[in-house]
N, C-alpha and C. Protein backbone atom coordinates (compact mmCIF):
# COMPACT_ATOMS: atom_id res chain seq x y z
N MET A 1 13.65 17.58 -0.93
CA MET A 1 13.32 18.51 -1.83
C MET A 1 13.13 19.49 -0.37
N PHE A 2 12.40 19.90 0.07
CA PHE A 2 12.07 20.62 1.79
C PHE A 2 12.25 19.91 2.62
N TYR A 3 12.57 18.31 2.89
CA TYR A 3 12.44 17.61 4.03
C TYR A 3 13.98 18.11 5.23
N GLY A 4 14.64 18.61 4.09
CA GLY A 4 16.02 18.92 5.29
C GLY A 4 15.88 19.44 6.50
N ARG A 5 16.27 19.54 7.52
CA ARG A 5 15.65 19.78 8.92
C ARG A 5 15.24 21.18 9.31
N SER A 6 15.94 22.12 8.44
CA SER A 6 15.86 23.76 8.37
C SER A 6 14.82 24.08 7.45
N ARG A 7 14.50 22.70 6.50
CA ARG A 7 13.84 23.49 5.18
C ARG A 7 12.19 23.38 5.76
N PHE A 8 11.83 22.63 7.10
CA PHE A 8 10.20 22.39 7.45
C PHE A 8 9.42 23.46 7.47
N PRO A 9 9.62 24.74 8.17
CA PRO A 9 9.00 25.65 7.35
C PRO A 9 8.72 26.12 5.80
N ASP A 10 9.69 26.06 5.14
CA ASP A 10 9.52 26.44 3.58
C ASP A 10 8.17 24.92 3.21
N ALA A 11 8.61 24.00 3.53
CA ALA A 11 7.98 22.84 3.08
C ALA A 11 6.21 22.84 3.50
N ALA A 12 6.08 23.01 4.42
CA ALA A 12 4.65 23.63 5.22
C ALA A 12 3.78 24.83 4.34
N ALA A 13 4.76 25.43 3.70
CA ALA A 13 4.29 26.74 3.15
C ALA A 13 3.73 26.41 2.05
N ALA A 14 4.25 25.50 1.28
CA ALA A 14 4.89 25.08 0.08
C ALA A 14 2.74 24.13 -0.38
N PHE A 15 3.58 23.28 1.05
CA PHE A 15 1.91 21.96 0.87
C PHE A 15 1.02 23.15 1.34
N ALA A 16 1.02 24.00 2.37
CA ALA A 16 -0.55 24.36 2.71
C ALA A 16 -0.77 25.08 1.47
N GLU A 17 -0.01 25.96 0.79
CA GLU A 17 -0.68 26.33 -0.49
C GLU A 17 -1.10 25.36 -1.48
N ALA A 18 -0.66 24.31 -1.54
CA ALA A 18 -1.22 23.59 -2.69
C ALA A 18 -2.05 22.84 -1.84
N VAL A 19 -2.69 22.69 -0.56
CA VAL A 19 -4.06 22.34 -0.12
C VAL A 19 -4.93 23.38 -0.51
N ARG A 20 -4.63 24.47 -0.11
CA ARG A 20 -5.61 25.99 -0.24
C ARG A 20 -6.11 25.56 -1.64
N LEU A 21 -5.07 25.64 -2.72
CA LEU A 21 -5.40 25.49 -3.83
C LEU A 21 -6.12 24.34 -4.75
N LYS A 22 -5.88 22.85 -3.99
CA LYS A 22 -7.08 21.74 -3.92
C LYS A 22 -6.78 20.83 -2.76
N PRO A 23 -8.13 21.26 -2.25
CA PRO A 23 -8.01 20.72 -0.90
C PRO A 23 -8.26 19.12 -0.77
N ASP A 24 -8.52 18.68 -2.00
CA ASP A 24 -8.47 16.78 -2.09
C ASP A 24 -7.21 16.66 -2.45
N TYR A 25 -6.11 17.41 -2.81
CA TYR A 25 -4.70 16.84 -2.89
C TYR A 25 -4.17 16.16 -1.73
N HIS A 26 -4.60 15.06 -1.55
CA HIS A 26 -4.20 13.82 -0.32
C HIS A 26 -2.96 14.29 -0.15
N GLN A 27 -1.68 13.88 -1.50
CA GLN A 27 -0.42 13.72 -1.17
C GLN A 27 -0.15 15.46 -0.60
N ALA A 28 -0.60 16.52 -0.82
CA ALA A 28 -0.08 17.44 -0.46
C ALA A 28 -0.61 17.52 1.16
N ARG A 29 -2.40 17.49 1.53
CA ARG A 29 -2.07 17.41 2.97
C ARG A 29 -0.95 16.25 3.64
N THR A 30 -0.78 14.97 3.14
CA THR A 30 0.37 14.54 3.94
C THR A 30 1.31 15.18 4.02
N GLY A 31 2.05 16.02 2.99
CA GLY A 31 2.82 16.43 2.72
C GLY A 31 3.14 17.54 4.38
N LEU A 32 1.95 18.31 4.45
CA LEU A 32 1.81 19.43 5.27
C LEU A 32 1.97 18.81 6.85
N GLY A 33 0.87 17.51 6.67
CA GLY A 33 1.31 17.09 7.87
C GLY A 33 2.84 16.80 8.43
N MET A 34 3.39 15.99 7.59
CA MET A 34 4.51 15.79 7.96
C MET A 34 5.71 16.51 8.25
N ALA A 35 5.57 18.29 7.37
CA ALA A 35 6.65 18.97 7.27
C ALA A 35 5.87 19.59 8.91
N ARG A 36 4.69 19.66 9.24
CA ARG A 36 4.22 20.44 10.79
C ARG A 36 4.62 19.05 11.88
N LYS A 37 4.92 17.89 11.57
CA LYS A 37 5.12 17.02 12.69
C LYS A 37 6.97 17.35 12.53
N GLY A 38 7.54 17.74 11.32
CA GLY A 38 9.06 17.60 11.25
C GLY A 38 9.32 19.20 12.13
N GLN A 39 8.26 20.41 12.11
CA GLN A 39 8.55 21.47 13.09
C GLN A 39 8.17 21.56 14.44
N SER A 40 7.50 20.07 15.13
CA SER A 40 7.02 19.45 16.41
C SER A 40 5.69 20.48 16.28
N LYS A 41 5.08 20.88 15.72
CA LYS A 41 3.63 21.10 15.66
C LYS A 41 2.76 20.20 15.01
N LEU A 42 3.10 19.08 16.45
CA LEU A 42 1.90 18.23 16.24
C LEU A 42 0.36 17.94 16.42
N GLY A 43 -0.35 19.11 16.97
CA GLY A 43 -1.52 19.01 16.43
C GLY A 43 -2.07 19.28 15.25
N GLU A 44 -1.37 20.10 14.90
CA GLU A 44 -1.65 20.92 13.14
C GLU A 44 -1.07 19.50 12.37
N ALA A 45 -0.01 19.04 12.81
CA ALA A 45 0.26 17.61 12.11
C ALA A 45 -1.15 16.90 12.36
N GLN A 46 -1.26 16.43 13.29
CA GLN A 46 -2.12 15.30 13.38
C GLN A 46 -3.96 16.05 12.70
N THR A 47 -3.80 16.76 12.92
CA THR A 47 -4.91 17.33 12.24
C THR A 47 -5.20 17.46 10.52
N GLN A 48 -4.03 17.23 9.77
CA GLN A 48 -4.01 17.05 8.37
C GLN A 48 -3.64 16.00 8.13
N LEU A 49 -3.15 15.05 9.60
CA LEU A 49 -3.23 13.54 9.02
C LEU A 49 -4.78 12.52 9.07
N ARG A 50 -5.09 13.64 10.27
CA ARG A 50 -6.33 12.62 10.25
C ARG A 50 -7.25 13.44 9.35
N GLU A 51 -7.26 14.43 8.52
CA GLU A 51 -8.26 14.64 7.59
C GLU A 51 -8.01 13.72 6.04
N VAL A 52 -6.73 13.57 6.16
CA VAL A 52 -6.29 12.55 4.68
C VAL A 52 -6.86 11.33 5.09
N VAL A 53 -6.96 10.43 6.32
CA VAL A 53 -7.60 9.49 6.83
C VAL A 53 -8.87 9.46 6.33
N ARG A 54 -9.94 10.28 7.09
CA ARG A 54 -11.48 11.31 6.96
C ARG A 54 -11.46 11.26 5.26
N ARG A 55 -10.50 11.59 4.55
CA ARG A 55 -10.40 12.21 3.19
C ARG A 55 -10.54 10.16 2.29
N GLN A 56 -9.64 9.59 2.63
CA GLN A 56 -9.19 8.48 2.03
C GLN A 56 -9.29 7.00 2.82
N PRO A 57 -10.30 6.79 3.59
CA PRO A 57 -10.53 5.77 4.52
C PRO A 57 -9.88 4.59 4.41
N GLY A 58 -9.77 4.18 2.68
CA GLY A 58 -9.16 3.11 2.15
C GLY A 58 -7.61 3.03 2.02
N ASN A 59 -6.60 4.11 2.60
CA ASN A 59 -5.40 4.28 2.27
C ASN A 59 -4.72 3.68 3.37
N PRO A 60 -4.14 3.04 2.97
CA PRO A 60 -3.65 2.52 4.10
C PRO A 60 -2.50 3.02 4.67
N ALA A 61 -1.21 3.46 3.62
CA ALA A 61 -0.62 4.57 4.21
C ALA A 61 -1.21 5.89 5.01
N ALA A 62 -2.55 6.33 5.03
CA ALA A 62 -2.67 7.53 5.67
C ALA A 62 -2.97 6.75 7.15
N HIS A 63 -3.66 6.11 7.00
CA HIS A 63 -3.53 5.19 9.15
C HIS A 63 -2.15 5.16 9.15
N MET A 64 -1.35 4.61 8.67
CA MET A 64 0.62 4.63 8.96
C MET A 64 0.99 6.08 9.53
N ASN A 65 1.14 6.24 8.66
CA ASN A 65 1.25 8.03 8.66
C ASN A 65 0.45 8.45 10.27
N LEU A 66 -0.70 8.67 10.16
CA LEU A 66 -1.40 9.19 11.39
C LEU A 66 -1.36 8.37 12.42
N GLY A 67 -1.10 7.18 12.71
CA GLY A 67 -0.41 6.20 13.52
C GLY A 67 1.00 5.79 13.91
N ASN A 68 2.12 6.47 13.15
CA ASN A 68 3.51 6.83 13.43
C ASN A 68 3.41 8.14 14.31
N LEU A 69 2.23 9.01 13.89
CA LEU A 69 2.24 10.55 14.51
C LEU A 69 1.62 10.28 16.36
N LEU A 70 0.73 9.40 15.95
CA LEU A 70 0.31 9.51 17.41
C LEU A 70 1.00 8.42 18.50
N MET A 71 1.56 7.16 17.73
CA MET A 71 2.60 7.19 18.85
C MET A 71 3.60 8.16 19.59
N LYS A 72 4.36 8.94 18.65
CA LYS A 72 5.35 9.96 18.80
C LYS A 72 4.41 10.90 20.15
N SER A 73 3.48 11.04 19.78
CA SER A 73 2.25 11.80 20.62
C SER A 73 1.77 11.05 22.01
N GLY A 74 2.27 10.07 21.88
CA GLY A 74 2.23 9.07 23.46
C GLY A 74 0.51 8.08 23.26
N GLN A 75 -0.04 8.48 22.05
CA GLN A 75 -1.61 8.68 21.74
C GLN A 75 -1.46 6.63 21.89
N THR A 76 -0.80 5.83 22.66
CA THR A 76 -0.61 4.66 22.08
C THR A 76 -1.92 3.45 21.44
N GLN A 77 -3.05 3.76 22.21
CA GLN A 77 -4.09 3.01 21.48
C GLN A 77 -5.10 3.46 20.07
N ASP A 78 -4.75 5.03 20.55
CA ASP A 78 -5.20 5.68 19.34
C ASP A 78 -4.46 4.98 17.77
N ALA A 79 -3.02 5.00 17.85
CA ALA A 79 -1.94 4.47 17.61
C ALA A 79 -2.36 3.35 16.56
N LYS A 80 -2.77 2.07 17.93
CA LYS A 80 -2.94 0.65 17.95
C LYS A 80 -4.25 0.83 16.88
N THR A 81 -5.06 1.52 16.96
CA THR A 81 -6.42 1.22 16.04
C THR A 81 -6.40 1.92 14.59
N CYS A 82 -5.03 2.65 14.37
CA CYS A 82 -4.43 3.50 13.02
C CYS A 82 -3.79 2.14 12.32
N PHE A 83 -2.87 1.39 13.03
CA PHE A 83 -2.61 0.39 12.43
C PHE A 83 -3.55 -0.58 12.01
N SER A 84 -4.37 -0.70 12.74
CA SER A 84 -5.32 -2.06 12.53
C SER A 84 -5.58 -2.09 11.32
N ASN A 85 -6.34 -0.28 11.48
CA ASN A 85 -7.48 0.02 10.54
C ASN A 85 -6.43 0.30 8.87
N ALA A 86 -4.78 0.33 9.00
CA ALA A 86 -4.12 0.24 7.91
C ALA A 86 -4.03 -1.25 7.40
N ARG A 87 -3.70 -2.04 8.19
CA ARG A 87 -3.57 -3.24 7.84
C ARG A 87 -5.40 -4.01 7.31
N ARG A 88 -6.11 -3.38 7.75
CA ARG A 88 -7.55 -3.99 7.26
C ARG A 88 -7.59 -3.16 5.46
N ALA A 89 -6.85 -1.75 5.92
CA ALA A 89 -7.06 -1.23 4.35
C ALA A 89 -6.05 -1.66 3.32
N ALA A 90 -5.03 -2.06 3.82
CA ALA A 90 -4.26 -3.17 3.38
C ALA A 90 -4.52 -4.25 2.51
N GLN A 91 -5.22 -5.00 3.63
CA GLN A 91 -5.78 -6.37 2.68
C GLN A 91 -7.06 -6.55 2.22
N ASP A 92 -7.75 -5.10 2.00
CA ASP A 92 -8.60 -4.75 1.36
C ASP A 92 -8.53 -4.85 0.01
N LYS A 93 -7.25 -3.83 0.13
CA LYS A 93 -6.92 -3.38 -1.72
C LYS A 93 -6.18 -4.86 -2.14
N LEU A 94 -5.51 -5.77 -1.27
CA LEU A 94 -5.04 -6.83 -2.10
C LEU A 94 -6.68 -8.02 -2.82
N ALA A 95 -7.50 -8.07 -1.75
CA ALA A 95 -8.67 -9.37 -1.60
C ALA A 95 -9.33 -8.34 -3.10
N ALA A 96 -9.16 -7.00 -3.80
CA ALA A 96 -10.00 -6.35 -4.62
C ALA A 96 -8.88 -6.71 -5.59
N ALA A 97 -7.50 -6.43 -5.60
CA ALA A 97 -6.47 -6.81 -6.73
C ALA A 97 -6.78 -8.43 -7.37
N ARG A 98 -6.77 -9.65 -6.41
CA ARG A 98 -7.45 -10.86 -6.29
C ARG A 98 -8.86 -10.96 -7.16
N THR A 99 -9.60 -10.52 -6.49
CA THR A 99 -10.68 -10.51 -7.76
C THR A 99 -11.01 -10.13 -9.10
N GLN A 100 -9.85 -9.06 -9.07
CA GLN A 100 -9.31 -8.25 -10.75
C GLN A 100 -8.46 -9.03 -10.96
N LEU A 101 -7.69 -9.85 -10.68
CA LEU A 101 -6.58 -10.34 -11.35
C LEU A 101 -7.28 -11.93 -11.74
N ARG A 102 -8.33 -12.33 -11.30
CA ARG A 102 -8.48 -13.79 -11.39
C ARG A 102 -10.01 -13.30 -12.20
N GLU A 103 -10.37 -12.25 -12.38
CA GLU A 103 -11.19 -12.08 -13.48
C GLU A 103 -10.54 -11.50 -15.05
N VAL A 104 -9.39 -11.55 -14.49
CA VAL A 104 -8.60 -11.34 -15.89
C VAL A 104 -8.42 -12.54 -16.44
N VAL A 105 -7.48 -13.30 -15.91
CA VAL A 105 -7.40 -14.79 -16.28
C VAL A 105 -8.54 -15.69 -16.52
N ARG A 106 -10.35 -15.67 -15.88
CA ARG A 106 -10.89 -15.99 -16.64
C ARG A 106 -11.66 -15.33 -18.15
N GLN A 107 -11.38 -14.45 -18.32
CA GLN A 107 -11.49 -13.67 -19.56
C GLN A 107 -10.57 -13.40 -20.64
N HIS A 108 -8.92 -13.72 -20.04
CA HIS A 108 -7.66 -14.03 -20.88
C HIS A 108 -7.21 -15.68 -20.29
N PRO A 109 -7.72 -16.50 -19.93
CA PRO A 109 -7.04 -18.17 -20.04
C PRO A 109 -5.59 -18.52 -20.37
N ALA A 110 -5.57 -18.13 -21.99
CA ALA A 110 -4.41 -18.49 -22.56
C ALA A 110 -3.05 -17.10 -22.21
N ASP A 111 -3.33 -16.50 -21.05
CA ASP A 111 -2.44 -15.23 -21.06
C ASP A 111 -1.67 -15.63 -19.72
N ALA A 112 -0.22 -15.89 -20.28
CA ALA A 112 0.40 -16.72 -19.82
C ALA A 112 0.48 -15.68 -18.24
N ARG A 113 1.39 -14.27 -18.22
CA ARG A 113 1.39 -13.41 -17.61
C ARG A 113 0.27 -13.27 -16.63
N ALA A 114 -1.07 -13.14 -17.18
CA ALA A 114 -2.09 -12.71 -16.20
C ALA A 114 -2.52 -13.90 -15.35
N HIS A 115 -1.87 -15.26 -15.36
CA HIS A 115 -1.86 -16.36 -14.58
C HIS A 115 -0.73 -15.91 -12.98
N ILE A 116 0.88 -15.56 -14.46
CA ILE A 116 1.93 -15.48 -13.16
C ILE A 116 1.04 -14.07 -12.39
N ASN A 117 0.68 -13.07 -12.87
CA ASN A 117 0.38 -12.07 -11.78
C ASN A 117 -0.37 -12.24 -11.00
N LEU A 118 -1.51 -13.56 -11.23
CA LEU A 118 -2.56 -13.76 -10.12
C LEU A 118 -1.44 -14.73 -9.17
N GLY A 119 -0.97 -15.75 -9.82
CA GLY A 119 0.35 -16.15 -8.83
C GLY A 119 1.28 -15.13 -7.51
N ASN A 120 1.34 -14.52 -8.77
CA ASN A 120 2.69 -13.43 -7.19
C ASN A 120 1.57 -13.12 -6.11
N LEU A 121 0.51 -12.28 -6.72
CA LEU A 121 -0.53 -11.92 -6.04
C LEU A 121 -0.70 -13.06 -4.76
N LEU A 122 -1.26 -14.16 -5.32
CA LEU A 122 -1.66 -15.22 -3.84
C LEU A 122 -0.44 -15.72 -3.34
N ILE A 123 1.09 -15.15 -3.55
CA ILE A 123 2.25 -15.67 -2.59
C ILE A 123 1.85 -14.90 -1.68
N GLU A 124 1.93 -13.34 -1.72
CA GLU A 124 1.74 -12.28 -0.89
C GLU A 124 0.51 -12.71 -0.08
N LEU A 125 -0.59 -13.24 -0.40
CA LEU A 125 -1.39 -13.40 0.49
C LEU A 125 -1.50 -14.87 1.32
N GLY A 126 -0.31 -15.81 0.60
CA GLY A 126 0.16 -16.86 1.48
C GLY A 126 -1.12 -18.31 0.96
N ASP A 127 -1.65 -17.57 -0.19
CA ASP A 127 -2.11 -18.82 -0.56
C ASP A 127 -1.23 -19.63 -1.67
N THR A 128 -0.89 -20.28 -1.44
CA THR A 128 0.75 -20.76 -2.26
C THR A 128 0.53 -21.74 -2.78
N GLU A 129 -0.62 -22.71 -2.67
CA GLU A 129 -1.66 -23.63 -3.36
C GLU A 129 -2.54 -23.32 -4.96
N GLU A 130 -2.72 -22.04 -4.64
CA GLU A 130 -3.57 -21.49 -5.76
C GLU A 130 -2.24 -21.13 -6.67
N ALA A 131 -1.27 -20.38 -6.17
CA ALA A 131 -0.09 -19.92 -6.02
C ALA A 131 0.69 -21.21 -7.63
N LYS A 132 0.70 -22.13 -7.03
CA LYS A 132 1.51 -22.94 -7.53
C LYS A 132 0.83 -23.55 -8.79
N THR A 133 -0.65 -23.70 -8.58
CA THR A 133 -1.57 -24.09 -9.57
C THR A 133 -1.07 -22.79 -10.80
N CYS A 134 -1.57 -21.52 -10.74
CA CYS A 134 -1.24 -20.18 -11.62
C CYS A 134 -0.05 -20.70 -12.52
N PHE A 135 1.02 -20.75 -11.48
CA PHE A 135 2.50 -20.56 -12.09
C PHE A 135 2.69 -22.02 -13.31
N SER A 136 2.03 -23.57 -12.79
CA SER A 136 1.83 -24.28 -13.52
C SER A 136 0.91 -24.09 -15.06
N ASP A 137 0.20 -23.82 -14.79
CA ASP A 137 -0.97 -22.71 -15.81
C ASP A 137 -0.02 -22.03 -16.59
N ALA A 138 0.67 -21.29 -16.57
CA ALA A 138 1.27 -20.25 -17.31
C ALA A 138 2.52 -21.12 -17.88
N LEU A 139 3.16 -22.21 -17.28
CA LEU A 139 4.34 -22.96 -17.84
C LEU A 139 3.43 -23.88 -19.00
N ARG A 140 2.19 -24.37 -18.71
CA ARG A 140 1.76 -25.24 -19.24
C ARG A 140 1.83 -24.24 -20.19
N LEU A 141 1.01 -23.01 -20.37
CA LEU A 141 1.18 -22.14 -21.96
C LEU A 141 1.92 -21.63 -22.43
N GLU A 142 3.11 -21.77 -21.82
CA GLU A 142 4.62 -21.05 -22.15
C GLU A 142 5.60 -22.03 -21.41
N PRO A 143 6.14 -23.05 -21.83
CA PRO A 143 6.36 -23.97 -21.31
C PRO A 143 8.35 -23.78 -21.16
N ASP A 144 8.53 -23.07 -22.64
CA ASP A 144 9.65 -22.56 -22.40
C ASP A 144 9.88 -21.16 -21.72
N ALA A 145 9.16 -20.83 -21.00
CA ALA A 145 9.09 -19.10 -20.47
C ALA A 145 10.51 -19.29 -19.07
N VAL A 146 11.50 -19.38 -18.74
CA VAL A 146 12.15 -19.05 -17.61
C VAL A 146 11.74 -18.59 -16.54
N GLU A 147 11.02 -17.70 -16.51
CA GLU A 147 10.54 -16.81 -15.81
C GLU A 147 8.86 -17.74 -15.33
N ARG A 148 8.77 -18.56 -15.93
CA ARG A 148 7.68 -19.19 -15.20
C ARG A 148 8.06 -20.23 -14.14
N LYS A 149 9.33 -21.00 -14.83
CA LYS A 149 10.01 -21.74 -13.91
C LYS A 149 10.46 -20.62 -13.04
N LEU A 150 11.14 -20.25 -12.51
CA LEU A 150 11.56 -19.39 -11.06
C LEU A 150 9.91 -18.89 -10.50
N GLN A 151 8.94 -18.80 -10.95
CA GLN A 151 7.75 -18.59 -10.43
C GLN A 151 7.58 -19.56 -9.59
N GLU A 152 7.03 -20.79 -10.02
CA GLU A 152 6.87 -21.97 -9.98
C GLU A 152 7.52 -22.52 -8.72
N GLY A 153 9.33 -22.48 -8.70
CA GLY A 153 10.05 -22.30 -7.88
C GLY A 153 9.72 -21.51 -6.74
N LYS A 154 9.54 -20.23 -6.24
CA LYS A 154 9.33 -19.60 -5.55
C LYS A 154 8.05 -19.99 -4.95
N SER A 155 6.89 -20.47 -5.50
CA SER A 155 5.39 -21.22 -4.58
C SER A 155 6.00 -22.38 -4.17
N LEU A 156 7.25 -22.87 -4.71
CA LEU A 156 7.19 -24.06 -4.00
C LEU A 156 8.34 -23.87 -2.55
N VAL A 157 8.62 -22.93 -2.85
CA VAL A 157 9.92 -22.52 -1.90
C VAL A 157 8.83 -22.26 -0.40
N ALA A 158 8.25 -21.42 -0.93
CA ALA A 158 6.97 -20.91 0.29
C ALA A 158 6.17 -21.51 0.76
N GLN A 159 5.76 -22.73 0.10
CA GLN A 159 5.49 -24.09 0.75
C GLN A 159 6.23 -24.96 1.33
N GLY A 160 7.41 -24.56 1.05
CA GLY A 160 8.43 -25.32 1.58
C GLY A 160 8.24 -27.11 1.68
N ASN A 161 7.68 -27.15 0.38
CA ASN A 161 7.83 -28.12 -0.25
C ASN A 161 9.04 -28.35 -1.42
């Protein structure tokens, strides 16, 4: 769209108008920050991206965008802090998702798809033992489902068994 090298001023103008109309619209503010970065207006870019982080501290991408900008600006230590914050925010989101999926499985124990979704997330989190249990439960619920067998295989590969 606007991200072609010569279109950064147009992009910045469009994003600035969107931010003016809706200051809490973080995608527009992020776009403005990235457009300013593309224009080599790093101070203005940093202002916008810091505001996104302030308004959305649990957004891993916001921390990553700011961290990348800070690295480009030579602010290595601040960038490392942003990257750590991004990791923490991502871990928090995954932990919340795990809690929610466990609740879905608790409320719908006969739903094989719920067990699979939880198992997939657990693999992402490195908990292959519990993932294997989830996939086994799904397979028990729907023994002929090929996808369950595939997911169980993934969990075994992840375990190294």
